């Protein structure tokens, strides 16, 4: 798990996604489907804000999800992402205690 987390956090774009998702209302416009806080942010909005293609954003989101740092929720044909605060807290705790 820790290796996946380190891989996920070793990229500035993935760190930026995590920062944006920490306060989605501040960083993203309201969505037609899905609540920004409850359901998460649509992957398309994340791709647009990053200035990358959907497949590129999808790879970043996949790495973050594999590390357990974000969770995806499917609504219609879209996937919405939000932070997994429990996992993030566990990672912070592990890093503080292991170093």
N, C-alpha and C. Protein backbone atom coordinates (compact mmCIF):
# COMPACT_ATOMS: atom_id res chain seq x y z
N UNK A 1 0.82 -1.20 0.00
CA UNK A 1 0.00 0.00 0.00
C UNK A 1 0.87 1.26 0.00
N UNK A 2 1.89 1.28 0.85
CA UNK A 2 2.72 2.47 0.96
C UNK A 2 3.43 2.79 -0.35
N UNK A 3 3.82 1.75 -1.09
CA UNK A 3 4.46 1.97 -2.38
C UNK A 3 3.49 2.64 -3.36
N UNK A 4 2.23 2.19 -3.38
CA UNK A 4 1.22 2.81 -4.24
C UNK A 4 0.99 4.27 -3.85
N UNK A 5 0.98 4.54 -2.56
CA UNK A 5 0.79 5.91 -2.08
C UNK A 5 1.96 6.79 -2.50
N UNK A 6 3.17 6.29 -2.33
CA UNK A 6 4.36 7.07 -2.71
C UNK A 6 4.34 7.36 -4.21
N UNK A 7 3.98 6.36 -5.00
CA UNK A 7 3.88 6.55 -6.45
C UNK A 7 2.84 7.62 -6.78
N UNK A 8 1.71 7.56 -6.11
CA UNK A 8 0.63 8.52 -6.36
C UNK A 8 1.04 9.94 -6.00
N UNK A 9 1.78 10.07 -4.91
CA UNK A 9 2.14 11.40 -4.42
C UNK A 9 3.39 11.97 -5.08
N UNK A 10 4.03 11.18 -5.93
CA UNK A 10 5.27 11.60 -6.57
C UNK A 10 5.04 12.41 -7.84
N UNK A 11 3.82 12.83 -8.08
CA UNK A 11 3.49 13.56 -9.30
C UNK A 11 2.74 14.83 -8.93
N UNK A 12 3.21 15.96 -9.43
CA UNK A 12 2.62 17.25 -9.08
C UNK A 12 1.15 17.35 -9.51
N UNK A 13 0.80 16.78 -10.65
CA UNK A 13 -0.61 16.85 -11.09
C UNK A 13 -1.52 16.07 -10.14
N UNK A 14 -1.05 14.93 -9.67
CA UNK A 14 -1.87 14.16 -8.73
C UNK A 14 -1.99 14.88 -7.40
N UNK A 15 -0.92 15.51 -6.96
CA UNK A 15 -1.00 16.32 -5.74
C UNK A 15 -1.99 17.47 -5.92
N UNK A 16 -1.98 18.08 -7.11
CA UNK A 16 -2.91 19.18 -7.38
C UNK A 16 -4.35 18.69 -7.34
N UNK A 17 -4.61 17.52 -7.90
CA UNK A 17 -5.96 16.95 -7.86
C UNK A 17 -6.39 16.77 -6.40
N UNK A 18 -5.52 16.23 -5.57
CA UNK A 18 -5.86 16.05 -4.15
C UNK A 18 -6.15 17.38 -3.47
N UNK A 19 -5.37 18.40 -3.79
CA UNK A 19 -5.61 19.73 -3.21
C UNK A 19 -6.98 20.25 -3.65
N UNK A 20 -7.28 20.15 -4.94
CA UNK A 20 -8.58 20.63 -5.43
C UNK A 20 -9.73 19.87 -4.77
N UNK A 21 -9.57 18.57 -4.64
CA UNK A 21 -10.65 17.76 -4.07
C UNK A 21 -10.82 17.99 -2.57
N UNK A 22 -9.85 18.62 -1.93
CA UNK A 22 -10.00 18.91 -0.49
C UNK A 22 -11.07 19.97 -0.26
N UNK A 23 -11.32 20.80 -1.29
CA UNK A 23 -12.38 21.81 -1.21
C UNK A 23 -12.98 21.98 -2.61
N UNK A 24 -13.78 21.01 -3.04
CA UNK A 24 -14.28 21.04 -4.42
C UNK A 24 -15.18 22.22 -4.74
N UNK A 25 -15.92 22.72 -3.77
CA UNK A 25 -16.82 23.85 -4.01
C UNK A 25 -16.02 25.09 -4.39
N UNK A 26 -14.85 25.24 -3.79
CA UNK A 26 -14.00 26.40 -4.08
C UNK A 26 -13.33 26.28 -5.45
N UNK A 27 -13.04 25.07 -5.87
CA UNK A 27 -12.23 24.87 -7.07
C UNK A 27 -12.99 24.48 -8.33
N UNK A 28 -14.26 24.09 -8.19
CA UNK A 28 -15.02 23.64 -9.36
C UNK A 28 -16.40 24.29 -9.38
N UNK A 29 -16.89 24.52 -10.58
CA UNK A 29 -18.24 25.06 -10.76
C UNK A 29 -19.26 23.97 -10.43
N UNK A 30 -20.48 24.36 -10.06
CA UNK A 30 -21.52 23.36 -9.80
C UNK A 30 -21.72 22.45 -11.02
N UNK A 31 -22.08 21.21 -10.75
CA UNK A 31 -22.28 20.22 -11.80
C UNK A 31 -23.76 20.00 -12.03
N UNK A 32 -24.10 19.53 -13.22
CA UNK A 32 -25.49 19.19 -13.52
C UNK A 32 -25.88 17.94 -12.75
N UNK A 33 -25.03 16.91 -12.82
CA UNK A 33 -25.27 15.66 -12.08
C UNK A 33 -24.26 15.57 -10.95
N UNK A 34 -24.69 15.08 -9.82
CA UNK A 34 -23.79 14.84 -8.71
C UNK A 34 -23.46 16.08 -7.91
N UNK A 35 -23.47 15.92 -6.60
CA UNK A 35 -23.09 16.97 -5.68
C UNK A 35 -21.57 16.96 -5.52
N UNK A 36 -20.94 18.13 -5.63
CA UNK A 36 -19.48 18.22 -5.56
C UNK A 36 -18.91 17.59 -4.30
N UNK A 37 -19.57 17.78 -3.17
CA UNK A 37 -19.05 17.28 -1.91
C UNK A 37 -19.46 15.82 -1.69
N UNK A 38 -20.72 15.54 -1.80
CA UNK A 38 -21.24 14.20 -1.50
C UNK A 38 -20.79 13.17 -2.52
N UNK A 39 -20.91 13.49 -3.81
CA UNK A 39 -20.62 12.53 -4.87
C UNK A 39 -19.21 12.66 -5.43
N UNK A 40 -18.65 13.85 -5.35
CA UNK A 40 -17.32 14.10 -5.90
C UNK A 40 -17.39 14.94 -7.16
N UNK A 41 -16.24 15.11 -7.78
CA UNK A 41 -16.10 15.96 -8.97
C UNK A 41 -16.00 15.07 -10.20
N UNK A 42 -16.72 15.44 -11.24
CA UNK A 42 -16.70 14.69 -12.49
C UNK A 42 -15.27 14.66 -13.07
N UNK A 43 -14.87 13.50 -13.54
CA UNK A 43 -13.53 13.33 -14.12
C UNK A 43 -13.29 14.31 -15.27
N UNK A 44 -14.33 14.62 -16.03
CA UNK A 44 -14.19 15.56 -17.15
C UNK A 44 -13.80 16.96 -16.64
N UNK A 45 -14.41 17.39 -15.54
CA UNK A 45 -14.06 18.70 -14.97
C UNK A 45 -12.62 18.71 -14.47
N UNK A 46 -12.19 17.60 -13.90
CA UNK A 46 -10.80 17.50 -13.43
C UNK A 46 -9.85 17.57 -14.61
N UNK A 47 -10.16 16.85 -15.69
CA UNK A 47 -9.32 16.87 -16.90
C UNK A 47 -9.24 18.29 -17.45
N UNK A 48 -10.37 18.97 -17.55
CA UNK A 48 -10.39 20.33 -18.08
C UNK A 48 -9.57 21.28 -17.22
N UNK A 49 -9.70 21.17 -15.91
CA UNK A 49 -8.96 22.05 -15.01
C UNK A 49 -7.45 21.78 -15.07
N UNK A 50 -7.09 20.51 -15.25
CA UNK A 50 -5.67 20.17 -15.40
C UNK A 50 -5.11 20.61 -16.75
N UNK A 51 -6.01 20.77 -17.73
CA UNK A 51 -5.58 21.11 -19.08
C UNK A 51 -4.99 19.92 -19.82
N UNK A 52 -5.53 18.73 -19.53
CA UNK A 52 -5.06 17.51 -20.17
C UNK A 52 -6.25 16.77 -20.78
N UNK A 53 -5.95 15.76 -21.58
CA UNK A 53 -7.00 14.95 -22.18
C UNK A 53 -7.68 14.10 -21.11
N UNK A 54 -8.87 13.61 -21.44
CA UNK A 54 -9.58 12.73 -20.50
C UNK A 54 -8.78 11.47 -20.19
N UNK A 55 -8.16 10.82 -21.20
CA UNK A 55 -7.37 9.62 -20.88
C UNK A 55 -6.19 9.91 -19.94
N UNK A 56 -5.54 11.06 -20.13
CA UNK A 56 -4.43 11.42 -19.25
C UNK A 56 -4.92 11.65 -17.83
N UNK A 57 -6.00 12.39 -17.69
CA UNK A 57 -6.58 12.60 -16.35
C UNK A 57 -7.02 11.27 -15.76
N UNK A 58 -7.58 10.41 -16.60
CA UNK A 58 -8.01 9.10 -16.13
C UNK A 58 -6.87 8.28 -15.55
N UNK A 59 -5.70 8.38 -16.15
CA UNK A 59 -4.53 7.66 -15.62
C UNK A 59 -4.13 8.21 -14.25
N UNK A 60 -4.14 9.53 -14.11
CA UNK A 60 -3.82 10.13 -12.82
C UNK A 60 -4.85 9.71 -11.76
N UNK A 61 -6.11 9.73 -12.12
CA UNK A 61 -7.17 9.35 -11.19
C UNK A 61 -7.07 7.87 -10.84
N UNK A 62 -6.71 7.05 -11.79
CA UNK A 62 -6.54 5.61 -11.56
C UNK A 62 -5.43 5.35 -10.53
N UNK A 63 -4.31 6.05 -10.67
CA UNK A 63 -3.19 5.88 -9.73
C UNK A 63 -3.62 6.32 -8.33
N UNK A 64 -4.32 7.43 -8.23
CA UNK A 64 -4.79 7.90 -6.92
C UNK A 64 -5.79 6.93 -6.31
N UNK A 65 -6.66 6.37 -7.14
CA UNK A 65 -7.66 5.41 -6.66
C UNK A 65 -6.99 4.11 -6.22
N UNK A 66 -6.01 3.63 -6.98
CA UNK A 66 -5.31 2.40 -6.60
C UNK A 66 -4.60 2.56 -5.26
N UNK A 67 -4.15 3.76 -4.98
CA UNK A 67 -3.49 4.04 -3.69
C UNK A 67 -4.52 4.23 -2.57
N UNK A 68 -5.80 4.28 -2.93
CA UNK A 68 -6.85 4.45 -1.94
C UNK A 68 -7.06 5.89 -1.50
N UNK A 69 -6.43 6.83 -2.20
CA UNK A 69 -6.51 8.24 -1.79
C UNK A 69 -7.77 8.93 -2.27
N UNK A 70 -8.39 8.39 -3.31
CA UNK A 70 -9.67 8.92 -3.80
C UNK A 70 -10.60 7.74 -4.06
N UNK A 71 -11.90 8.07 -4.13
CA UNK A 71 -12.93 7.08 -4.42
C UNK A 71 -13.78 7.59 -5.57
N UNK A 72 -14.16 6.68 -6.44
CA UNK A 72 -15.01 7.05 -7.56
C UNK A 72 -16.44 6.59 -7.35
N UNK A 73 -17.37 7.41 -7.81
CA UNK A 73 -18.80 7.09 -7.78
C UNK A 73 -19.33 7.25 -9.19
N UNK A 74 -20.02 6.24 -9.67
CA UNK A 74 -20.56 6.26 -11.03
C UNK A 74 -21.97 6.86 -11.00
N UNK A 75 -22.20 7.89 -11.82
CA UNK A 75 -23.52 8.49 -12.00
C UNK A 75 -23.73 8.63 -13.50
N UNK A 76 -24.75 7.94 -13.99
CA UNK A 76 -25.00 7.88 -15.44
C UNK A 76 -23.74 7.36 -16.12
N UNK A 77 -23.23 8.06 -17.12
CA UNK A 77 -22.03 7.59 -17.81
C UNK A 77 -20.74 8.20 -17.26
N UNK A 78 -20.84 8.96 -16.19
CA UNK A 78 -19.69 9.69 -15.66
C UNK A 78 -19.20 9.08 -14.35
N UNK A 79 -17.93 9.31 -14.06
CA UNK A 79 -17.38 8.92 -12.76
C UNK A 79 -16.98 10.19 -12.02
N UNK A 80 -17.40 10.27 -10.78
CA UNK A 80 -17.15 11.42 -9.91
C UNK A 80 -16.19 10.99 -8.81
N UNK A 81 -15.21 11.84 -8.51
CA UNK A 81 -14.17 11.48 -7.56
C UNK A 81 -14.16 12.42 -6.37
N UNK A 82 -13.93 11.81 -5.20
CA UNK A 82 -13.76 12.58 -3.97
C UNK A 82 -12.63 11.93 -3.17
N UNK A 83 -12.07 12.70 -2.26
CA UNK A 83 -10.97 12.20 -1.43
C UNK A 83 -11.47 11.14 -0.46
N UNK A 84 -10.62 10.18 -0.18
CA UNK A 84 -10.89 9.18 0.85
C UNK A 84 -10.15 9.66 2.10
N UNK A 85 -10.81 10.48 2.88
CA UNK A 85 -10.17 11.12 4.03
C UNK A 85 -9.67 10.11 5.06
N UNK A 86 -10.36 9.01 5.22
CA UNK A 86 -9.92 7.99 6.17
C UNK A 86 -8.57 7.43 5.75
N UNK A 87 -8.43 7.10 4.49
CA UNK A 87 -7.16 6.56 3.98
C UNK A 87 -6.05 7.62 4.06
N UNK A 88 -6.38 8.85 3.72
CA UNK A 88 -5.40 9.93 3.78
C UNK A 88 -4.90 10.12 5.22
N UNK A 89 -5.81 10.06 6.19
CA UNK A 89 -5.41 10.17 7.60
C UNK A 89 -4.53 9.00 8.02
N UNK A 90 -4.86 7.79 7.54
CA UNK A 90 -4.04 6.62 7.86
C UNK A 90 -2.63 6.75 7.28
N UNK A 91 -2.54 7.28 6.07
CA UNK A 91 -1.24 7.48 5.44
C UNK A 91 -0.43 8.50 6.23
N UNK A 92 -1.07 9.61 6.60
CA UNK A 92 -0.38 10.63 7.40
C UNK A 92 0.14 10.03 8.70
N UNK A 93 -0.70 9.25 9.36
CA UNK A 93 -0.32 8.63 10.63
C UNK A 93 0.84 7.66 10.43
N UNK A 94 0.77 6.83 9.39
CA UNK A 94 1.84 5.87 9.11
C UNK A 94 3.16 6.57 8.83
N UNK A 95 3.11 7.64 8.05
CA UNK A 95 4.33 8.37 7.72
C UNK A 95 4.94 9.04 8.95
N UNK A 96 4.11 9.57 9.82
CA UNK A 96 4.60 10.22 11.03
C UNK A 96 5.24 9.21 11.98
N UNK A 97 4.66 8.02 12.06
CA UNK A 97 5.14 7.03 13.00
C UNK A 97 6.29 6.20 12.46
N UNK A 98 6.38 6.06 11.14
CA UNK A 98 7.43 5.23 10.53
C UNK A 98 8.72 5.99 10.30
N UNK A 99 8.69 7.30 10.35
CA UNK A 99 9.91 8.07 10.09
C UNK A 99 10.52 8.39 11.39
